[in-house]
Amino acid sequence: MGFLGFLLLGLLAGALAKLIVPGTQGGGWLVTLLLGVVGALLGGWVAGLIFGVDMGGFFDLRTWVIAILGSVVVLLIYGAVTRNRSSST
């Protein structure tokens, strides 16, 4: 998968993760893109490490599931970090 395809996958996975995770998450499109790309990387790394599967092509369902699950995890971590930071001030 090319660089632009990976960025598009990350953006869409981050947007879908924001729809899946309940509550209000901060951040605009740039944060969504970054969370999605980091989530796709994290999901791909964990899936390869634990299950021995790799990220397929852009239109592979396995790629999307891995990227979205990774983005949900990253979004939950991001929400926990920003929530704690904003409540302490």
PDB file of N, CA and C in Angstrom:
ATOM      1  N   MET A   1       0.856  -1.160   0.000  1.00  0.00           N
ATOM      2  CA  MET A   1       0.000   0.000   0.000  1.00  0.00           C
ATOM      3  C   MET A   1       0.906   1.228   0.000  1.00  0.00           C
ATOM      4  N   GLY A   2       0.555   2.195  -0.823  1.00  0.00           N
ATOM      5  CA  GLY A   2       1.346   3.402  -0.920  1.00  0.00           C
ATOM      6  C   GLY A   2       1.121   4.350   0.249  1.00  0.00           C
ATOM      7  N   PHE A   3       1.941   5.371   0.294  1.00  0.00           N
ATOM      8  CA  PHE A   3       1.898   6.340   1.385  1.00  0.00           C
ATOM      9  C   PHE A   3       0.557   7.066   1.438  1.00  0.00           C
ATOM     10  N   LEU A   4       0.058   7.528   0.301  1.00  0.00           N
ATOM     11  CA  LEU A   4      -1.224   8.234   0.284  1.00  0.00           C
ATOM     12  C   LEU A   4      -2.378   7.302   0.640  1.00  0.00           C
ATOM     13  N   GLY A   5      -2.310   6.061   0.200  1.00  0.00           N
ATOM     14  CA  GLY A   5      -3.325   5.083   0.575  1.00  0.00           C
ATOM     15  C   GLY A   5      -3.331   4.827   2.072  1.00  0.00           C
ATOM     16  N   PHE A   6      -2.138   4.780   2.670  1.00  0.00           N
ATOM     17  CA  PHE A   6      -2.037   4.567   4.102  1.00  0.00           C
ATOM     18  C   PHE A   6      -2.589   5.769   4.865  1.00  0.00           C
ATOM     19  N   LEU A   7      -2.324   6.989   4.380  1.00  0.00           N
ATOM     20  CA  LEU A   7      -2.882   8.181   5.026  1.00  0.00           C
ATOM     21  C   LEU A   7      -4.404   8.203   4.926  1.00  0.00           C
ATOM     22  N   LEU A   8      -4.932   7.829   3.770  1.00  0.00           N
ATOM     23  CA  LEU A   8      -6.385   7.775   3.603  1.00  0.00           C
ATOM     24  C   LEU A   8      -6.987   6.708   4.517  1.00  0.00           C
ATOM     25  N   LEU A   9      -6.353   5.559   4.595  1.00  0.00           N
ATOM     26  CA  LEU A   9      -6.803   4.505   5.495  1.00  0.00           C
ATOM     27  C   LEU A   9      -6.793   5.000   6.939  1.00  0.00           C
ATOM     28  N   GLY A  10      -5.735   5.694   7.336  1.00  0.00           N
ATOM     29  CA  GLY A  10      -5.635   6.219   8.698  1.00  0.00           C
ATOM     30  C   GLY A  10      -6.705   7.251   8.995  1.00  0.00           C
ATOM     31  N   LEU A  11      -6.981   8.136   8.053  1.00  0.00           N
ATOM     32  CA  LEU A  11      -8.008   9.153   8.243  1.00  0.00           C
ATOM     33  C   LEU A  11      -9.382   8.514   8.410  1.00  0.00           C
ATOM     34  N   LEU A  12      -9.701   7.579   7.535  1.00  0.00           N
ATOM     35  CA  LEU A  12     -11.006   6.921   7.610  1.00  0.00           C
ATOM     36  C   LEU A  12     -11.123   6.034   8.848  1.00  0.00           C
ATOM     37  N   ALA A  13     -10.057   5.342   9.196  1.00  0.00           N
ATOM     38  CA  ALA A  13     -10.082   4.507  10.405  1.00  0.00           C
ATOM     39  C   ALA A  13     -10.232   5.371  11.647  1.00  0.00           C
ATOM     40  N   GLY A  14      -9.566   6.518  11.684  1.00  0.00           N
ATOM     41  CA  GLY A  14      -9.706   7.431  12.813  1.00  0.00           C
ATOM     42  C   GLY A  14     -11.111   8.001  12.911  1.00  0.00           C
ATOM     43  N   ALA A  15     -11.705   8.345  11.769  1.00  0.00           N
ATOM     44  CA  ALA A  15     -13.070   8.868  11.766  1.00  0.00           C
ATOM     45  C   ALA A  15     -14.060   7.800  12.224  1.00  0.00           C
ATOM     46  N   LEU A  16     -13.888   6.568  11.762  1.00  0.00           N
ATOM     47  CA  LEU A  16     -14.765   5.481  12.198  1.00  0.00           C
ATOM     48  C   LEU A  16     -14.573   5.178  13.682  1.00  0.00           C
ATOM     49  N   ALA A  17     -13.350   5.284  14.157  1.00  0.00           N
ATOM     50  CA  ALA A  17     -13.100   5.064  15.584  1.00  0.00           C
ATOM     51  C   ALA A  17     -13.800   6.128  16.421  1.00  0.00           C
ATOM     52  N   LYS A  18     -13.826   7.374  15.938  1.00  0.00           N
ATOM     53  CA  LYS A  18     -14.541   8.431  16.660  1.00  0.00           C
ATOM     54  C   LYS A  18     -16.040   8.156  16.696  1.00  0.00           C
ATOM     55  N   LEU A  19     -16.572   7.521  15.660  1.00  0.00           N
ATOM     56  CA  LEU A  19     -17.985   7.159  15.659  1.00  0.00           C
ATOM     57  C   LEU A  19     -18.268   5.993  16.604  1.00  0.00           C
ATOM     58  N   ILE A  20     -17.316   5.084  16.747  1.00  0.00           N
ATOM     59  CA  ILE A  20     -17.500   3.899  17.568  1.00  0.00           C
ATOM     60  C   ILE A  20     -17.372   4.223  19.059  1.00  0.00           C
ATOM     61  N   VAL A  21     -16.375   5.013  19.419  1.00  0.00           N
ATOM     62  CA  VAL A  21     -16.112   5.310  20.826  1.00  0.00           C
ATOM     63  C   VAL A  21     -17.173   6.275  21.344  1.00  0.00           C
ATOM     64  N   PRO A  22     -17.852   5.922  22.435  1.00  0.00           N
ATOM     65  CA  PRO A  22     -18.888   6.818  22.954  1.00  0.00           C
ATOM     66  C   PRO A  22     -18.287   8.074  23.579  1.00  0.00           C
ATOM     67  N   GLY A  23     -19.091   9.125  23.637  1.00  0.00           N
ATOM     68  CA  GLY A  23     -18.643  10.375  24.243  1.00  0.00           C
ATOM     69  C   GLY A  23     -18.109  11.326  23.196  1.00  0.00           C
ATOM     70  N   THR A  24     -17.663  12.467  23.679  1.00  0.00           N
ATOM     71  CA  THR A  24     -17.129  13.502  22.805  1.00  0.00           C
ATOM     72  C   THR A  24     -15.613  13.478  22.867  1.00  0.00           C
ATOM     73  N   GLN A  25     -14.980  13.356  21.704  1.00  0.00           N
ATOM     74  CA  GLN A  25     -13.531  13.402  21.630  1.00  0.00           C
ATOM     75  C   GLN A  25     -13.130  14.722  20.989  1.00  0.00           C
ATOM     76  N   GLY A  26     -12.091  15.299  21.508  1.00  0.00           N
ATOM     77  CA  GLY A  26     -11.599  16.543  20.935  1.00  0.00           C
ATOM     78  C   GLY A  26     -10.763  16.281  19.704  1.00  0.00           C
ATOM     79  N   GLY A  27     -10.314  17.349  19.129  1.00  0.00           N
ATOM     80  CA  GLY A  27      -9.436  17.230  17.977  1.00  0.00           C
ATOM     81  C   GLY A  27     -10.185  17.366  16.671  1.00  0.00           C
ATOM     82  N   GLY A  28      -9.515  17.917  15.719  1.00  0.00           N
ATOM     83  CA  GLY A  28     -10.093  18.088  14.400  1.00  0.00           C
ATOM     84  C   GLY A  28      -9.609  17.020  13.451  1.00  0.00           C
ATOM     85  N   TRP A  29      -9.574  17.378  12.177  1.00  0.00           N
ATOM     86  CA  TRP A  29      -9.180  16.414  11.148  1.00  0.00           C
ATOM     87  C   TRP A  29      -7.721  15.997  11.269  1.00  0.00           C
ATOM     88  N   LEU A  30      -6.844  16.928  11.657  1.00  0.00           N
ATOM     89  CA  LEU A  30      -5.434  16.589  11.781  1.00  0.00           C
ATOM     90  C   LEU A  30      -5.217  15.575  12.898  1.00  0.00           C
ATOM     91  N   VAL A  31      -5.884  15.789  14.032  1.00  0.00           N
ATOM     92  CA  VAL A  31      -5.763  14.840  15.141  1.00  0.00           C
ATOM     93  C   VAL A  31      -6.360  13.497  14.739  1.00  0.00           C
ATOM     94  N   THR A  32      -7.482  13.530  14.021  1.00  0.00           N
ATOM     95  CA  THR A  32      -8.101  12.291  13.545  1.00  0.00           C
ATOM     96  C   THR A  32      -7.154  11.541  12.621  1.00  0.00           C
ATOM     97  N   LEU A  33      -6.501  12.251  11.718  1.00  0.00           N
ATOM     98  CA  LEU A  33      -5.538  11.624  10.806  1.00  0.00           C
ATOM     99  C   LEU A  33      -4.381  11.010  11.582  1.00  0.00           C
ATOM    100  N   LEU A  34      -3.835  11.764  12.512  1.00  0.00           N
ATOM    101  CA  LEU A  34      -2.702  11.259  13.288  1.00  0.00           C
ATOM    102  C   LEU A  34      -3.099  10.046  14.137  1.00  0.00           C
ATOM    103  N   LEU A  35      -4.256  10.130  14.804  1.00  0.00           N
ATOM    104  CA  LEU A  35      -4.713   8.996  15.612  1.00  0.00           C
ATOM    105  C   LEU A  35      -4.982   7.775  14.741  1.00  0.00           C
ATOM    106  N   GLY A  36      -5.561   7.993  13.573  1.00  0.00           N
ATOM    107  CA  GLY A  36      -5.834   6.884  12.672  1.00  0.00           C
ATOM    108  C   GLY A  36      -4.573   6.226  12.146  1.00  0.00           C
ATOM    109  N   VAL A  37      -3.599   7.020  11.768  1.00  0.00           N
ATOM    110  CA  VAL A  37      -2.337   6.463  11.261  1.00  0.00           C
ATOM    111  C   VAL A  37      -1.598   5.732  12.378  1.00  0.00           C
ATOM    112  N   VAL A  38      -1.539   6.341  13.558  1.00  0.00           N
ATOM    113  CA  VAL A  38      -0.891   5.671  14.690  1.00  0.00           C
ATOM    114  C   VAL A  38      -1.648   4.395  15.047  1.00  0.00           C
ATOM    115  N   GLY A  39      -2.982   4.465  15.020  1.00  0.00           N
ATOM    116  CA  GLY A  39      -3.786   3.281  15.310  1.00  0.00           C
ATOM    117  C   GLY A  39      -3.583   2.177  14.286  1.00  0.00           C
ATOM    118  N   ALA A  40      -3.493   2.539  13.022  1.00  0.00           N
ATOM    119  CA  ALA A  40      -3.241   1.536  11.982  1.00  0.00           C
ATOM    120  C   ALA A  40      -1.872   0.891  12.176  1.00  0.00           C
ATOM    121  N   LEU A  41      -0.883   1.698  12.502  1.00  0.00           N
ATOM    122  CA  LEU A  41       0.454   1.152  12.776  1.00  0.00           C
ATOM    123  C   LEU A  41       0.434   0.241  13.991  1.00  0.00           C
ATOM    124  N   LEU A  42      -0.200   0.709  15.058  1.00  0.00           N
ATOM    125  CA  LEU A  42      -0.283  -0.092  16.278  1.00  0.00           C
ATOM    126  C   LEU A  42      -1.045  -1.387  16.035  1.00  0.00           C
ATOM    127  N   GLY A  43      -2.185  -1.290  15.361  1.00  0.00           N
ATOM    128  CA  GLY A  43      -2.972  -2.487  15.066  1.00  0.00           C
ATOM    129  C   GLY A  43      -2.214  -3.481  14.207  1.00  0.00           C
ATOM    130  N   GLY A  44      -1.524  -2.982  13.191  1.00  0.00           N
ATOM    131  CA  GLY A  44      -0.730  -3.858  12.335  1.00  0.00           C
ATOM    132  C   GLY A  44       0.410  -4.525  13.076  1.00  0.00           C
ATOM    133  N   TRP A  45       1.050  -3.769  13.961  1.00  0.00           N
ATOM    134  CA  TRP A  45       2.168  -4.310  14.730  1.00  0.00           C
ATOM    135  C   TRP A  45       1.679  -5.385  15.697  1.00  0.00           C
ATOM    136  N   VAL A  46       0.598  -5.088  16.437  1.00  0.00           N
ATOM    137  CA  VAL A  46       0.073  -6.050  17.402  1.00  0.00           C
ATOM    138  C   VAL A  46      -0.468  -7.291  16.700  1.00  0.00           C
ATOM    139  N   ALA A  47      -1.193  -7.103  15.593  1.00  0.00           N
ATOM    140  CA  ALA A  47      -1.724  -8.254  14.857  1.00  0.00           C
ATOM    141  C   ALA A  47      -0.600  -9.132  14.333  1.00  0.00           C
ATOM    142  N   GLY A  48       0.470  -8.522  13.857  1.00  0.00           N
ATOM    143  CA  GLY A  48       1.607  -9.297  13.386  1.00  0.00           C
ATOM    144  C   GLY A  48       2.325 -10.017  14.514  1.00  0.00           C
ATOM    145  N   LEU A  49       2.404  -9.353  15.650  1.00  0.00           N
ATOM    146  CA  LEU A  49       3.106  -9.921  16.802  1.00  0.00           C
ATOM    147  C   LEU A  49       2.331 -11.069  17.437  1.00  0.00           C
ATOM    148  N   ILE A  50       1.048 -10.875  17.635  1.00  0.00           N
ATOM    149  CA  ILE A  50       0.251 -11.873  18.348  1.00  0.00           C
ATOM    150  C   ILE A  50      -0.295 -12.954  17.418  1.00  0.00           C
ATOM    151  N   PHE A  51      -0.894 -12.533  16.300  1.00  0.00           N
ATOM    152  CA  PHE A  51      -1.597 -13.479  15.441  1.00  0.00           C
ATOM    153  C   PHE A  51      -0.817 -13.891  14.202  1.00  0.00           C
ATOM    154  N   GLY A  52       0.283 -13.229  13.930  1.00  0.00           N
ATOM    155  CA  GLY A  52       1.084 -13.573  12.765  1.00  0.00           C
ATOM    156  C   GLY A  52       0.473 -13.146  11.445  1.00  0.00           C
ATOM    157  N   VAL A  53      -0.443 -12.170  11.470  1.00  0.00           N
ATOM    158  CA  VAL A  53      -1.039 -11.664  10.229  1.00  0.00           C
ATOM    159  C   VAL A  53      -0.455 -10.293   9.925  1.00  0.00           C
ATOM    160  N   ASP A  54      -0.477  -9.952   8.646  1.00  0.00           N
ATOM    161  CA  ASP A  54       0.046  -8.650   8.254  1.00  0.00           C
ATOM    162  C   ASP A  54      -1.065  -7.825   7.612  1.00  0.00           C
ATOM    163  N   MET A  55      -0.794  -6.553   7.458  1.00  0.00           N
ATOM    164  CA  MET A  55      -1.747  -5.668   6.800  1.00  0.00           C
ATOM    165  C   MET A  55      -1.751  -6.032   5.322  1.00  0.00           C
ATOM    166  N   GLY A  56      -2.930  -6.243   4.780  1.00  0.00           N
ATOM    167  CA  GLY A  56      -3.053  -6.574   3.368  1.00  0.00           C
ATOM    168  C   GLY A  56      -3.118  -5.310   2.535  1.00  0.00           C
ATOM    169  N   GLY A  57      -3.817  -5.382   1.441  1.00  0.00           N
ATOM    170  CA  GLY A  57      -3.991  -4.233   0.567  1.00  0.00           C
ATOM    171  C   GLY A  57      -5.047  -3.286   1.103  1.00  0.00           C
ATOM    172  N   PHE A  58      -5.234  -2.185   0.413  1.00  0.00           N
ATOM    173  CA  PHE A  58      -6.168  -1.148   0.839  1.00  0.00           C
ATOM    174  C   PHE A  58      -7.594  -1.668   0.912  1.00  0.00           C
ATOM    175  N   PHE A  59      -7.987  -2.522   0.009  1.00  0.00           N
ATOM    176  CA  PHE A  59      -9.368  -3.008  -0.043  1.00  0.00           C
ATOM    177  C   PHE A  59      -9.564  -4.342   0.687  1.00  0.00           C
ATOM    178  N   ASP A  60      -8.577  -4.761   1.436  1.00  0.00           N
ATOM    179  CA  ASP A  60      -8.668  -6.002   2.201  1.00  0.00           C
ATOM    180  C   ASP A  60      -9.415  -5.728   3.508  1.00  0.00           C
ATOM    181  N   LEU A  61     -10.446  -6.513   3.810  1.00  0.00           N
ATOM    182  CA  LEU A  61     -11.251  -6.321   5.017  1.00  0.00           C
ATOM    183  C   LEU A  61     -10.394  -6.444   6.271  1.00  0.00           C
ATOM    184  N   ARG A  62      -9.443  -7.362   6.262  1.00  0.00           N
ATOM    185  CA  ARG A  62      -8.558  -7.552   7.412  1.00  0.00           C
ATOM    186  C   ARG A  62      -7.781  -6.281   7.722  1.00  0.00           C
ATOM    187  N   THR A  63      -7.337  -5.578   6.705  1.00  0.00           N
ATOM    188  CA  THR A  63      -6.612  -4.329   6.889  1.00  0.00           C
ATOM    189  C   THR A  63      -7.484  -3.295   7.597  1.00  0.00           C
ATOM    190  N   TRP A  64      -8.726  -3.172   7.171  1.00  0.00           N
ATOM    191  CA  TRP A  64      -9.639  -2.202   7.766  1.00  0.00           C
ATOM    192  C   TRP A  64      -9.964  -2.541   9.212  1.00  0.00           C
ATOM    193  N   VAL A  65     -10.208  -3.821   9.494  1.00  0.00           N
ATOM    194  CA  VAL A  65     -10.523  -4.227  10.866  1.00  0.00           C
ATOM    195  C   VAL A  65      -9.343  -3.948  11.785  1.00  0.00           C
ATOM    196  N   ILE A  66      -8.149  -4.298  11.352  1.00  0.00           N
ATOM    197  CA  ILE A  66      -6.943  -4.057  12.146  1.00  0.00           C
ATOM    198  C   ILE A  66      -6.747  -2.560  12.379  1.00  0.00           C
ATOM    199  N   ALA A  67      -6.898  -1.748  11.333  1.00  0.00           N
ATOM    200  CA  ALA A  67      -6.685  -0.309  11.450  1.00  0.00           C
ATOM    201  C   ALA A  67      -7.736   0.340  12.355  1.00  0.00           C
ATOM    202  N   ILE A  68      -8.987  -0.074  12.230  1.00  0.00           N
ATOM    203  CA  ILE A  68     -10.048   0.521  13.044  1.00  0.00           C
ATOM    204  C   ILE A  68      -9.886   0.118  14.509  1.00  0.00           C
ATOM    205  N   LEU A  69      -9.591  -1.147  14.770  1.00  0.00           N
ATOM    206  CA  LEU A  69      -9.381  -1.572  16.159  1.00  0.00           C
ATOM    207  C   LEU A  69      -8.183  -0.856  16.785  1.00  0.00           C
ATOM    208  N   GLY A  70      -7.112  -0.719  16.029  1.00  0.00           N
ATOM    209  CA  GLY A  70      -5.958   0.018  16.532  1.00  0.00           C
ATOM    210  C   GLY A  70      -6.296   1.477  16.788  1.00  0.00           C
ATOM    211  N   SER A  71      -7.101   2.068  15.921  1.00  0.00           N
ATOM    212  CA  SER A  71      -7.499   3.468  16.094  1.00  0.00           C
ATOM    213  C   SER A  71      -8.398   3.645  17.311  1.00  0.00           C
ATOM    214  N   VAL A  72      -9.277   2.683  17.570  1.00  0.00           N
ATOM    215  CA  VAL A  72     -10.123   2.754  18.757  1.00  0.00           C
ATOM    216  C   VAL A  72      -9.258   2.731  20.018  1.00  0.00           C
ATOM    217  N   VAL A  73      -8.274   1.852  20.050  1.00  0.00           N
ATOM    218  CA  VAL A  73      -7.381   1.771  21.204  1.00  0.00           C
ATOM    219  C   VAL A  73      -6.632   3.090  21.386  1.00  0.00           C
ATOM    220  N   VAL A  74      -6.083   3.625  20.312  1.00  0.00           N
ATOM    221  CA  VAL A  74      -5.336   4.879  20.398  1.00  0.00           C
ATOM    222  C   VAL A  74      -6.257   6.022  20.805  1.00  0.00           C
ATOM    223  N   LEU A  75      -7.480   6.044  20.291  1.00  0.00           N
ATOM    224  CA  LEU A  75      -8.437   7.087  20.645  1.00  0.00           C
ATOM    225  C   LEU A  75      -8.819   7.010  22.117  1.00  0.00           C
ATOM    226  N   LEU A  76      -8.996   5.811  22.646  1.00  0.00           N
ATOM    227  CA  LEU A  76      -9.289   5.658  24.071  1.00  0.00           C
ATOM    228  C   LEU A  76      -8.130   6.149  24.932  1.00  0.00           C
ATOM    229  N   ILE A  77      -6.919   5.829  24.527  1.00  0.00           N
ATOM    230  CA  ILE A  77      -5.740   6.303  25.252  1.00  0.00           C
ATOM    231  C   ILE A  77      -5.648   7.822  25.166  1.00  0.00           C
ATOM    232  N   TYR A  78      -5.872   8.374  23.985  1.00  0.00           N
ATOM    233  CA  TYR A  78      -5.837   9.826  23.790  1.00  0.00           C
ATOM    234  C   TYR A  78      -6.898  10.518  24.649  1.00  0.00           C
ATOM    235  N   GLY A  79      -8.097   9.940  24.694  1.00  0.00           N
ATOM    236  CA  GLY A  79      -9.168  10.505  25.508  1.00  0.00           C
ATOM    237  C   GLY A  79      -8.834  10.484  26.992  1.00  0.00           C
ATOM    238  N   ALA A  80      -8.232   9.385  27.453  1.00  0.00           N
ATOM    239  CA  ALA A  80      -7.858   9.284  28.863  1.00  0.00           C
ATOM    240  C   ALA A  80      -6.771  10.294  29.218  1.00  0.00           C
ATOM    241  N   VAL A  81      -5.820  10.487  28.328  1.00  0.00           N
ATOM    242  CA  VAL A  81      -4.726  11.432  28.597  1.00  0.00           C
ATOM    243  C   VAL A  81      -5.228  12.868  28.574  1.00  0.00           C
ATOM    244  N   THR A  82      -6.041  13.234  27.596  1.00  0.00           N
ATOM    245  CA  THR A  82      -6.508  14.615  27.496  1.00  0.00           C
ATOM    246  C   THR A  82      -7.561  14.914  28.558  1.00  0.00           C
ATOM    247  N   ARG A  83      -8.339  13.945  28.940  1.00  0.00           N
ATOM    248  CA  ARG A  83      -9.350  14.154  29.999  1.00  0.00           C
ATOM    249  C   ARG A  83      -8.661  14.421  31.334  1.00  0.00           C
ATOM    250  N   ASN A  84      -7.616  13.664  31.650  1.00  0.00           N
ATOM    251  CA  ASN A  84      -6.884  13.870  32.889  1.00  0.00           C
ATOM    252  C   ASN A  84      -6.164  15.206  32.896  1.00  0.00           C
ATOM    253  N   ARG A  85      -5.640  15.604  31.768  1.00  0.00           N
ATOM    254  CA  ARG A  85      -4.913  16.859  31.679  1.00  0.00           C
ATOM    255  C   ARG A  85      -5.861  18.038  31.838  1.00  0.00           C
ATOM    256  N   SER A  86      -7.047  17.981  31.232  1.00  0.00           N
ATOM    257  CA  SER A  86      -7.967  19.108  31.300  1.00  0.00           C
ATOM    258  C   SER A  86      -8.654  19.199  32.659  1.00  0.00           C
ATOM    259  N   SER A  87      -8.834  18.088  33.356  1.00  0.00           N
ATOM    260  CA  SER A  87      -9.510  18.138  34.656  1.00  0.00           C
ATOM    261  C   SER A  87      -8.587  18.585  35.765  1.00  0.00           C
ATOM    262  N   SER A  88      -7.276  18.502  35.578  1.00  0.00           N
ATOM    263  CA  SER A  88      -6.337  18.906  36.627  1.00  0.00           C
ATOM    264  C   SER A  88      -6.076  20.395  36.637  1.00  0.00           C
ATOM    265  N   THR A  89      -6.515  21.127  35.606  1.00  0.00           N
ATOM    266  CA  THR A  89      -6.293  22.577  35.582  1.00  0.00           C
ATOM    267  C   THR A  89      -7.501  23.332  36.018  1.00  0.00           C
TER     268      THR A  89
END
